Every structure is written in C-alpha cells, then in structure tokens.
Amino acid sequence: MIDCFVIMGVSGCGKSSIGTTLAAQIDARFVDADDLHPQDNISKMAAGIALTDADRTPWLETVGRAFAQTDGALVIACSALKRSYRDTIRDTATRPVAFLHLDGTQTVIADRLGGRRDHFMPTKLLDSQFAALEPLESDETGTRVKIDQTPPAIVNELVAHLKKEPI
C-alpha cells in the first residue's frame, strides 16, 4: 500500500489546508512544498515572474527526496502541474507516490486567491498555472477530486477513495 501522497493542483486550490487535514486523518506527516522552494524561486514568483522548468527541477527533486528520506506516511502539498514534474518527483522519491489532484475551475480558484493575504503567489500567475496543468494520465497512480465542495467533504472523499482503493 502506498503511503506517499502529493496533493496537487494549481495555486489556490487548497493543497495546504486539505493536505494538512488529510495527513492528520491518515496518521501521516505533512510538508508544504512551498517551504522547500529556494529563495530565488520565491523571489521570482513574488515579483509575478512565472518559474521555468529549469527553476522547478531542483525544487521537484527536493520534494522527491523528502519522500525518499522519510519513513512512514507522508503527504506533501505540491503543484506537480505537468507529467514531467510528477515523473521527477516519482523518480527521485524511490518509493511509490500517489497524486491526489484538487481540481477546480479557474473562476473558483481566482476567487480563492483573491482572498489570500499571506502568500507569495500573485493571482496574475494563475493563467500560467492553468496553461501548464496536465491532468493525471491513466498510467499514473492517483485520483482527482472536485473542489466545489467543503474542505471536510473533499478530505472525506479522499479518505474514502484511499480506503476503497488503497492506491
């Protein structure tokens, strides 16, 4: 049974709050991948500059290493927007990783981002996030949950999925 999970999706979809709650419910440790970004990446995003794949690769490898260096269950909130990003995490993790995609419309997510006050990711980068987003493919381990429901309902759906299909 897999005990490594990435809560994925565009900025503002609820990765951190859902990931924290899910981790508590499944007795896992939680890490926010935003805390693993090098300062250069944070500075670029805060200035409204979208990261390049070259900017992201070392960060994604750090995310994968967090799985490789942890015993037991771990949930990491990480955008993991492209298949190649998820491949980097999987390849570096050395353990099976499942991706749990928090899926919402750009309108819903823009409203959520507009209400944020303490985050470095500006709303104007949301277009680039949706442009980069590649949904999970059939050969990738994971599931997709719509976020047009309450956070407890989202977590309950994820937990029910994990119990029904221990990924």
Protein backbone atom coordinates (compact mmCIF):
# COMPACT_ATOMS: atom_id res chain seq x y z
CA MET A 1 0.00 0.00 0.00
CA ILE A 2 1.26 3.44 -0.91
CA ASP A 3 1.84 5.85 1.97
CA CYS A 4 3.38 8.74 -0.02
CA PHE A 5 0.93 11.29 -1.40
CA VAL A 6 1.22 14.55 -3.30
CA ILE A 7 -1.78 16.86 -3.00
CA MET A 8 -1.52 18.54 -6.39
CA GLY A 9 -3.19 21.34 -8.30
CA VAL A 10 -2.86 24.98 -9.21
CA SER A 11 -2.15 27.66 -6.64
CA GLY A 12 -5.21 28.41 -4.52
CA CYS A 13 -6.94 25.03 -4.91
CA GLY A 14 -6.47 24.19 -1.22
CA LYS A 15 -3.41 21.94 -1.28
CA SER A 16 -2.06 23.03 2.12
CA SER A 17 -5.32 23.02 4.05
CA ILE A 18 -6.56 19.76 2.51
CA GLY A 19 -3.12 18.17 2.82
CA THR A 20 -2.81 19.09 6.50
CA THR A 21 -6.24 17.67 7.31
CA LEU A 22 -5.74 14.54 5.21
CA ALA A 23 -2.37 13.87 6.84
CA ALA A 24 -3.94 14.11 10.29
CA GLN A 25 -6.71 11.70 9.32
CA ILE A 26 -4.37 9.06 7.89
CA ASP A 27 -1.67 9.48 10.55
CA ALA A 28 0.89 10.93 8.15
CA ARG A 29 3.39 13.75 8.37
CA PHE A 30 2.60 16.86 6.28
CA VAL A 31 5.05 19.02 4.34
CA ASP A 32 4.21 22.05 2.22
CA ALA A 33 6.46 22.01 -0.85
CA ASP A 34 6.30 25.82 -0.90
CA ASP A 35 8.62 25.64 2.12
CA LEU A 36 11.11 23.66 0.01
CA HIS A 37 11.48 26.31 -2.73
CA PRO A 38 14.85 28.03 -2.93
CA GLN A 39 14.67 31.76 -2.18
CA ASP A 40 15.33 32.62 -5.86
CA ASN A 41 12.09 30.84 -6.86
CA ILE A 42 10.09 32.60 -4.16
CA SER A 43 11.50 35.98 -5.20
CA LYS A 44 10.61 35.37 -8.84
CA MET A 45 7.04 34.33 -8.06
CA ALA A 46 6.56 37.23 -5.62
CA ALA A 47 7.64 39.55 -8.45
CA GLY A 48 5.00 37.99 -10.73
CA ILE A 49 7.52 36.03 -12.82
CA ALA A 50 6.46 32.50 -13.71
CA LEU A 51 9.04 29.84 -12.95
CA THR A 52 10.68 27.98 -15.80
CA ASP A 53 11.12 24.22 -15.87
CA ALA A 54 14.81 24.81 -15.11
CA ASP A 55 13.77 26.76 -11.98
CA ARG A 56 11.44 23.98 -10.88
CA THR A 57 13.63 20.91 -11.42
CA PRO A 58 15.86 21.25 -8.31
CA TRP A 59 12.76 22.02 -6.21
CA LEU A 60 10.90 18.96 -7.56
CA GLU A 61 13.95 16.81 -6.81
CA THR A 62 13.89 18.15 -3.24
CA VAL A 63 10.22 17.15 -3.00
CA GLY A 64 11.07 13.64 -4.21
CA ARG A 65 13.97 13.39 -1.77
CA ALA A 66 11.62 14.27 1.09
CA PHE A 67 9.73 11.03 0.32
CA ALA A 68 12.95 9.06 -0.05
CA GLN A 69 14.29 10.31 3.28
CA THR A 70 11.13 9.71 5.31
CA ASP A 71 9.99 6.53 6.95
CA GLY A 72 6.23 6.17 7.22
CA ALA A 73 3.35 8.03 5.66
CA LEU A 74 3.98 11.47 4.16
CA VAL A 75 1.66 13.95 2.47
CA ILE A 76 3.25 16.81 0.50
CA ALA A 77 1.31 19.73 -0.96
CA CYS A 78 2.95 20.44 -4.32
CA SER A 79 1.52 21.83 -7.55
CA ALA A 80 3.01 19.00 -9.69
CA LEU A 81 1.24 20.52 -12.68
CA LYS A 82 3.00 18.69 -15.52
CA ARG A 83 3.54 14.99 -16.10
CA SER A 84 7.29 15.64 -16.32
CA TYR A 85 7.19 17.29 -12.88
CA ARG A 86 5.40 14.29 -11.41
CA ASP A 87 7.91 12.00 -13.11
CA THR A 88 10.77 13.92 -11.47
CA ILE A 89 9.15 13.53 -8.06
CA ARG A 90 8.48 9.81 -8.65
CA ASP A 91 11.99 9.15 -9.95
CA THR A 92 13.64 10.94 -7.03
CA ALA A 93 11.31 9.54 -4.35
CA THR A 94 12.47 5.93 -4.78
CA ARG A 95 9.13 4.95 -3.17
CA PRO A 96 5.72 4.71 -4.83
CA VAL A 97 3.91 8.08 -4.80
CA ALA A 98 0.21 8.72 -5.49
CA PHE A 99 -1.02 12.08 -6.77
CA LEU A 100 -4.29 13.47 -5.42
CA HIS A 101 -5.43 16.24 -7.78
CA LEU A 102 -7.60 19.02 -6.33
CA ASP A 103 -9.47 20.10 -9.44
CA GLY A 104 -11.42 23.33 -9.75
CA THR A 105 -12.42 25.94 -12.30
CA GLN A 106 -10.28 28.99 -12.88
CA THR A 107 -13.10 31.21 -11.61
CA VAL A 108 -13.42 29.38 -8.28
CA ILE A 109 -9.66 29.37 -7.77
CA ALA A 110 -9.23 33.03 -8.75
CA ASP A 111 -11.83 33.94 -6.11
CA ARG A 112 -9.90 31.96 -3.51
CA LEU A 113 -6.57 33.50 -4.49
CA GLY A 114 -8.09 36.96 -4.29
CA GLY A 115 -8.83 36.35 -0.63
CA ARG A 116 -5.28 35.35 0.28
CA ARG A 117 -3.12 37.85 2.10
CA ASP A 118 -0.02 35.96 3.26
CA HIS A 119 1.19 34.12 0.18
CA PHE A 120 3.90 34.93 -2.34
CA MET A 121 1.93 33.68 -5.39
CA PRO A 122 0.07 36.54 -7.08
CA THR A 123 -3.30 35.95 -8.79
CA LYS A 124 -1.85 37.15 -12.11
CA LEU A 125 0.19 33.91 -12.37
CA LEU A 126 -2.95 31.75 -12.30
CA ASP A 127 -3.25 31.81 -16.11
CA SER A 128 0.24 30.33 -16.43
CA GLN A 129 -0.65 27.63 -13.89
CA PHE A 130 -3.75 26.56 -15.81
CA ALA A 131 -1.80 26.67 -19.09
CA ALA A 132 0.80 24.30 -17.61
CA LEU A 133 -1.67 21.92 -15.92
CA GLU A 134 -1.62 18.40 -17.35
CA PRO A 135 -4.26 16.19 -15.70
CA LEU A 136 -3.23 12.80 -14.38
CA GLU A 137 -2.87 10.22 -17.11
CA SER A 138 -4.36 6.73 -16.93
CA ASP A 139 -0.98 5.15 -16.11
CA GLU A 140 -0.35 7.49 -13.16
CA THR A 141 -1.30 6.40 -9.66
CA GLY A 142 -3.78 8.79 -8.09
CA THR A 143 -7.21 10.34 -8.26
CA ARG A 144 -8.96 13.63 -8.93
CA VAL A 145 -11.38 15.37 -6.58
CA LYS A 146 -13.52 18.36 -7.50
CA ILE A 147 -13.06 21.25 -5.07
CA ASP A 148 -16.51 22.79 -5.47
CA GLN A 149 -17.44 21.28 -2.09
CA THR A 150 -16.48 21.98 1.52
CA PRO A 151 -12.95 21.14 2.71
CA PRO A 152 -14.26 18.40 5.06
CA ALA A 153 -16.16 16.85 2.13
CA ILE A 154 -13.02 16.92 -0.03
CA VAL A 155 -10.96 15.21 2.69
CA ASN A 156 -13.73 12.66 3.32
CA GLU A 157 -13.81 11.85 -0.41
CA LEU A 158 -10.04 11.38 -0.47
CA VAL A 159 -10.05 9.19 2.65
CA ALA A 160 -12.94 7.10 1.26
CA HIS A 161 -11.02 6.67 -2.01
CA LEU A 162 -7.87 5.59 -0.15
CA LYS A 163 -9.85 3.06 1.91
CA LYS A 164 -11.72 1.73 -1.10
CA GLU A 165 -8.70 1.62 -3.37
CA PRO A 166 -5.54 1.60 -1.27
CA ILE A 167 -3.53 3.22 -4.01
